[in-house]
């Protein structure tokens, strides 16, 4: 079936914003023209692609599946053209990478070493922010890539491509004074001094979801997981921290894993990039290093 690429471009534009009016503005045509193109594409495919109301636009399941396919196809084309132009001009932009402090220190260091040994012609500028702020930098075109902890709603944003990199497990830990303290149900655990990240971070939101918001007055709230770990080590209280941060300390005996009945789901470390911006040569090469 030969369908005009322009129809797919229009569909892609509507899917990015889930808005006919926003797509019309970005593409530079009338809203009625956008609507007619989508109706034509739906007719040619014989598949409904969007559910429309007077106030909202949402994908049908088939529409979301097609959007992911179309996004991948246009990404290959747009990225290839951008990277070809960079290579011909020998004008490689510095890669702006947004990542949390914790992931830089405990996950990304080996990949930075690979980048240094494999890529000598492109600079790497690392911006440290909490996960949601890293994603905002990508959306605002201030960073080309972000490496963050997955959080609720991230994968539902059609403007973003979210690529799982690794799966992590968070655990409750306390200082050496908790050795031999036995089992902690949620009530007992949350009566201990709790050491938490500040509101607005992905890890704090995750903790609040895991404990159903039951901890309303933590003893300390900080902006750094590494400082939280320092406080745990000197017996200031209990914290929930990623296993990649605490495993070595647990083995060394400077912190103790708390045995509790609170179920803690795994969560992904993910790579985030914008579907609105073609990926540079640097972004492509760093992505391959992470995936390889």
Protein backbone atom coordinates (compact mmCIF):
# COMPACT_ATOMS: atom_id res chain seq x y z
CA UNK A 1 0.00 0.00 0.00
CA UNK A 2 1.56 3.31 -1.15
CA UNK A 3 0.59 6.08 1.27
CA UNK A 4 1.99 9.58 1.02
CA UNK A 5 4.84 10.31 3.40
CA UNK A 6 3.19 13.70 4.01
CA UNK A 7 0.23 11.93 5.62
CA UNK A 8 2.57 10.09 7.97
CA UNK A 9 4.39 13.35 8.77
CA UNK A 10 1.07 14.96 9.64
CA UNK A 11 0.08 11.97 11.77
CA UNK A 12 3.47 12.12 13.50
CA UNK A 13 2.97 15.82 14.26
CA UNK A 14 -0.46 15.27 15.79
CA UNK A 15 0.88 12.33 17.79
CA UNK A 16 3.76 14.35 19.21
CA UNK A 17 1.48 16.97 20.71
CA UNK A 18 -1.84 15.05 20.88
CA UNK A 19 -3.32 18.26 19.55
CA UNK A 20 -4.62 19.11 16.07
CA UNK A 21 -4.23 22.85 16.66
CA UNK A 22 -0.65 22.55 17.98
CA UNK A 23 0.30 20.29 15.07
CA UNK A 24 -1.19 22.76 12.60
CA UNK A 25 0.83 25.59 14.14
CA UNK A 26 4.09 23.61 14.09
CA UNK A 27 3.62 22.32 10.54
CA UNK A 28 2.35 25.66 9.23
CA UNK A 29 -1.01 24.64 7.80
CA UNK A 30 -4.63 25.09 8.84
CA UNK A 31 -6.26 22.91 11.47
CA UNK A 32 -8.85 21.77 8.92
CA UNK A 33 -6.04 20.60 6.63
CA UNK A 34 -4.57 18.57 9.50
CA UNK A 35 -7.98 17.05 10.24
CA UNK A 36 -8.53 16.13 6.59
CA UNK A 37 -5.09 14.50 6.36
CA UNK A 38 -5.75 12.35 9.42
CA UNK A 39 -9.16 11.33 8.10
CA UNK A 40 -7.55 10.40 4.78
CA UNK A 41 -4.85 8.33 6.49
CA UNK A 42 -7.42 6.55 8.66
CA UNK A 43 -9.52 5.81 5.58
CA UNK A 44 -6.57 4.46 3.59
CA UNK A 45 -5.43 2.27 6.48
CA UNK A 46 -9.00 1.44 7.53
CA UNK A 47 -7.82 1.94 11.13
CA UNK A 48 -8.96 4.59 13.67
CA UNK A 49 -5.82 6.33 14.93
CA UNK A 50 -7.14 8.86 17.46
CA UNK A 51 -10.02 9.20 19.88
CA UNK A 52 -11.24 12.78 19.63
CA UNK A 53 -13.41 14.76 22.03
CA UNK A 54 -14.09 18.48 22.17
CA UNK A 55 -11.33 18.87 24.77
CA UNK A 56 -8.75 16.15 24.11
CA UNK A 57 -7.03 13.89 21.60
CA UNK A 58 -5.73 10.43 22.53
CA UNK A 59 -4.27 7.50 20.62
CA UNK A 60 -6.23 4.38 19.93
CA UNK A 61 -4.12 1.28 20.70
CA UNK A 62 -3.54 0.87 16.96
CA UNK A 63 -2.68 4.54 16.64
CA UNK A 64 -0.04 4.31 19.38
CA UNK A 65 1.49 1.27 17.70
CA UNK A 66 1.64 3.07 14.36
CA UNK A 67 3.05 6.20 16.01
CA UNK A 68 5.95 4.25 17.50
CA UNK A 69 6.69 2.72 14.08
CA UNK A 70 6.49 6.06 12.26
CA UNK A 71 8.59 7.79 14.92
CA UNK A 72 11.32 5.17 14.53
CA UNK A 73 11.28 5.49 10.74
CA UNK A 74 11.50 9.29 10.71
CA UNK A 75 14.14 9.17 13.45
CA UNK A 76 16.38 7.00 11.26
CA UNK A 77 15.95 9.41 8.33
CA UNK A 78 16.33 12.68 10.27
CA UNK A 79 19.22 11.43 12.40
CA UNK A 80 21.02 10.07 9.35
CA UNK A 81 20.78 13.38 7.51
CA UNK A 82 21.99 15.37 10.54
CA UNK A 83 24.94 13.05 11.13
CA UNK A 84 25.87 13.03 7.44
CA UNK A 85 25.94 16.82 7.40
CA UNK A 86 28.16 16.87 10.51
CA UNK A 87 30.60 14.39 9.03
CA UNK A 88 30.82 16.19 5.68
CA UNK A 89 31.37 19.54 7.37
CA UNK A 90 33.60 18.03 10.09
CA UNK A 91 31.61 20.21 12.48
CA UNK A 92 30.70 18.04 15.46
CA UNK A 93 28.67 19.66 18.21
CA UNK A 94 29.52 19.01 21.84
CA UNK A 95 27.16 16.42 23.34
CA UNK A 96 25.10 17.83 26.19
CA UNK A 97 24.18 14.95 28.51
CA UNK A 98 21.84 15.40 31.49
CA UNK A 99 22.10 12.84 34.28
CA UNK A 100 21.60 12.60 38.02
CA UNK A 101 24.62 12.86 40.30
CA UNK A 102 24.00 9.34 41.55
CA UNK A 103 23.85 7.73 38.11
CA UNK A 104 26.97 9.62 37.02
CA UNK A 105 28.91 8.31 39.98
CA UNK A 106 27.52 4.80 40.32
CA UNK A 107 26.41 3.82 36.79
CA UNK A 108 27.89 6.00 34.05
CA UNK A 109 31.60 6.13 34.97
CA UNK A 110 32.55 3.04 32.87
CA UNK A 111 30.70 4.52 29.89
CA UNK A 112 32.52 7.84 30.28
CA UNK A 113 35.78 5.89 30.13
CA UNK A 114 34.64 4.16 26.91
CA UNK A 115 33.63 7.52 25.44
CA UNK A 116 37.05 8.96 26.23
CA UNK A 117 38.84 6.04 24.57
CA UNK A 118 36.58 5.78 21.52
CA UNK A 119 35.48 9.34 20.74
CA UNK A 120 38.18 11.98 20.49
CA UNK A 121 36.51 14.51 18.18
CA UNK A 122 33.38 15.38 20.18
CA UNK A 123 33.22 17.05 23.57
CA UNK A 124 30.97 15.83 26.38
CA UNK A 125 29.20 18.34 28.62
CA UNK A 126 27.53 16.71 31.63
CA UNK A 127 24.66 18.51 33.39
CA UNK A 128 23.67 17.13 36.81
CA UNK A 129 20.05 17.52 37.87
CA UNK A 130 17.30 15.36 39.45
CA UNK A 131 15.62 13.01 36.99
CA UNK A 132 12.53 15.16 36.16
CA UNK A 133 14.75 18.23 35.63
CA UNK A 134 17.04 16.23 33.32
CA UNK A 135 14.03 15.32 31.21
CA UNK A 136 12.93 18.96 31.10
CA UNK A 137 16.36 19.86 29.73
CA UNK A 138 15.79 17.40 26.88
CA UNK A 139 12.29 18.76 26.21
CA UNK A 140 13.66 22.32 26.21
CA UNK A 141 16.47 21.31 23.79
CA UNK A 142 19.14 22.20 26.35
CA UNK A 143 20.37 18.59 26.47
CA UNK A 144 20.40 16.01 23.70
CA UNK A 145 20.24 12.98 25.98
CA UNK A 146 19.32 12.24 29.58
CA UNK A 147 20.12 9.20 31.71
CA UNK A 148 17.64 9.02 34.57
CA UNK A 149 15.64 6.75 36.81
CA UNK A 150 12.28 5.92 35.26
CA UNK A 151 9.30 7.54 36.96
CA UNK A 152 5.54 7.56 36.56
CA UNK A 153 4.35 9.15 33.33
CA UNK A 154 7.76 9.38 31.67
CA UNK A 155 7.12 6.70 29.05
CA UNK A 156 3.67 8.13 28.25
CA UNK A 157 5.07 11.38 26.81
CA UNK A 158 4.90 10.96 22.99
CA UNK A 159 7.58 13.63 22.48
CA UNK A 160 10.16 11.38 24.14
CA UNK A 161 11.85 8.15 23.20
CA UNK A 162 12.63 6.22 26.40
CA UNK A 163 15.14 3.36 26.11
CA UNK A 164 15.62 0.97 29.08
CA UNK A 165 19.30 0.48 29.97
CA UNK A 166 19.32 -1.48 33.23
CA UNK A 167 17.01 -2.58 36.02
CA UNK A 168 17.72 -1.48 39.57
CA UNK A 169 16.45 -2.46 43.00
CA UNK A 170 16.08 -0.08 45.95
CA UNK A 171 16.59 -1.40 49.49
CA UNK A 172 16.09 -0.08 53.00
CA UNK A 173 19.33 0.37 54.92
CA UNK A 174 20.45 1.59 58.32
CA UNK A 175 23.75 2.07 60.12
CA UNK A 176 25.73 -0.56 62.07
CA UNK A 177 23.50 0.00 65.11
CA UNK A 178 20.70 -1.77 63.24
CA UNK A 179 22.64 -5.02 62.94
CA UNK A 180 20.61 -7.75 64.59
CA UNK A 181 17.57 -5.49 64.99
CA UNK A 182 15.29 -8.08 63.41
CA UNK A 183 12.27 -7.68 61.18
CA UNK A 184 10.62 -4.30 60.55
CA UNK A 185 7.03 -4.07 59.41
CA UNK A 186 6.02 -0.77 57.85
CA UNK A 187 4.75 0.71 61.10
CA UNK A 188 7.95 -0.06 63.00
CA UNK A 189 10.19 1.05 60.15
CA UNK A 190 8.50 4.41 59.61
CA UNK A 191 8.69 5.15 63.33
CA UNK A 192 12.47 5.17 62.98
CA UNK A 193 14.25 8.39 61.91
CA UNK A 194 13.78 8.48 58.11
CA UNK A 195 16.40 10.03 55.82
CA UNK A 196 14.91 11.00 52.45
CA UNK A 197 15.61 12.94 49.30
CA UNK A 198 13.77 16.21 48.82
CA UNK A 199 10.30 16.45 47.33
CA UNK A 200 10.28 16.63 43.52
CA UNK A 201 13.02 14.07 42.92
CA UNK A 202 12.11 10.81 41.17
CA UNK A 203 13.50 8.75 44.06
CA UNK A 204 11.43 10.64 46.66
CA UNK A 205 8.29 10.24 44.56
CA UNK A 206 9.08 6.53 44.27
CA UNK A 207 9.57 6.22 48.06
CA UNK A 208 6.26 7.98 48.73
CA UNK A 209 4.51 5.61 46.31
CA UNK A 210 6.10 2.54 47.92
CA UNK A 211 5.06 3.65 51.43
CA UNK A 212 1.71 5.12 50.27
CA UNK A 213 2.70 8.53 51.63
CA UNK A 214 2.82 7.24 55.21
CA UNK A 215 6.05 9.07 56.12
CA UNK A 216 4.90 12.63 56.63
CA UNK A 217 7.77 13.99 58.72
CA UNK A 218 11.20 12.61 57.79
CA UNK A 219 14.12 13.42 60.10
CA UNK A 220 16.29 14.72 57.23
CA UNK A 221 15.50 15.75 53.65
CA UNK A 222 18.49 16.31 51.38
CA UNK A 223 19.35 16.79 47.72
CA UNK A 224 22.10 14.17 47.54
CA UNK A 225 21.88 10.38 47.81
CA UNK A 226 25.56 10.20 48.68
CA UNK A 227 25.04 12.49 51.68
CA UNK A 228 22.05 10.37 52.72
CA UNK A 229 24.35 7.35 52.67
CA UNK A 230 26.88 9.22 54.82
CA UNK A 231 24.14 9.91 57.39
CA UNK A 232 23.06 6.26 57.34
CA UNK A 233 26.64 5.17 58.00
CA UNK A 234 26.84 7.30 61.16
CA UNK A 235 23.57 5.82 62.50
CA UNK A 236 21.36 8.85 61.91
CA UNK A 237 18.45 6.75 60.67
CA UNK A 238 17.06 4.60 57.86
CA UNK A 239 16.89 5.37 54.15
CA UNK A 240 15.72 3.64 50.97
CA UNK A 241 18.59 3.73 48.49
CA UNK A 242 19.48 2.09 45.16
CA UNK A 243 21.37 -1.18 45.50
CA UNK A 244 24.06 0.09 43.10
CA UNK A 245 24.84 2.74 45.72
CA UNK A 246 24.79 0.58 48.85
CA UNK A 247 25.88 -2.94 47.84
CA UNK A 248 29.56 -2.29 48.49
CA UNK A 249 28.79 -0.69 51.86
CA UNK A 250 26.60 -3.64 52.84
CA UNK A 251 29.41 -6.06 51.95
CA UNK A 252 31.88 -3.98 53.96
CA UNK A 253 29.49 -3.91 56.92
CA UNK A 254 29.29 -0.12 57.24
CA UNK A 255 25.55 -0.21 56.50
CA UNK A 256 22.95 -2.90 57.17
CA UNK A 257 20.12 -4.03 54.94
CA UNK A 258 16.81 -3.75 56.80
CA UNK A 259 14.54 -6.79 56.63
CA UNK A 260 11.02 -5.48 56.00
CA UNK A 261 7.67 -6.53 54.54
CA UNK A 262 7.36 -3.38 52.41
CA UNK A 263 7.33 -4.52 48.76
CA UNK A 264 9.73 -2.43 46.67
CA UNK A 265 9.31 -2.84 42.89
CA UNK A 266 12.31 -2.68 40.60
CA UNK A 267 12.71 0.40 38.44
CA UNK A 268 14.59 1.04 35.25
CA UNK A 269 17.53 3.25 34.47
CA UNK A 270 16.60 4.75 31.11
CA UNK A 271 18.01 6.84 28.29
CA UNK A 272 15.73 9.67 27.21
CA UNK A 273 15.91 11.57 23.94
CA UNK A 274 13.56 13.93 22.11
CA UNK A 275 11.61 12.91 19.04
CA UNK A 276 11.49 16.59 18.05
CA UNK A 277 15.24 16.96 17.55
CA UNK A 278 17.41 14.89 15.16
CA UNK A 279 20.20 13.17 17.04
CA UNK A 280 23.72 14.44 16.44
CA UNK A 281 26.70 12.22 15.70
CA UNK A 282 27.74 12.56 19.37
CA UNK A 283 24.30 11.56 20.67
CA UNK A 284 24.24 8.57 18.33
CA UNK A 285 27.70 7.39 19.36
CA UNK A 286 27.04 7.78 23.09
CA UNK A 287 23.76 5.88 22.68
CA UNK A 288 25.61 3.02 21.01
CA UNK A 289 28.18 2.96 23.84
CA UNK A 290 25.37 2.72 26.40
CA UNK A 291 23.50 0.01 24.51
CA UNK A 292 26.66 -1.94 23.64
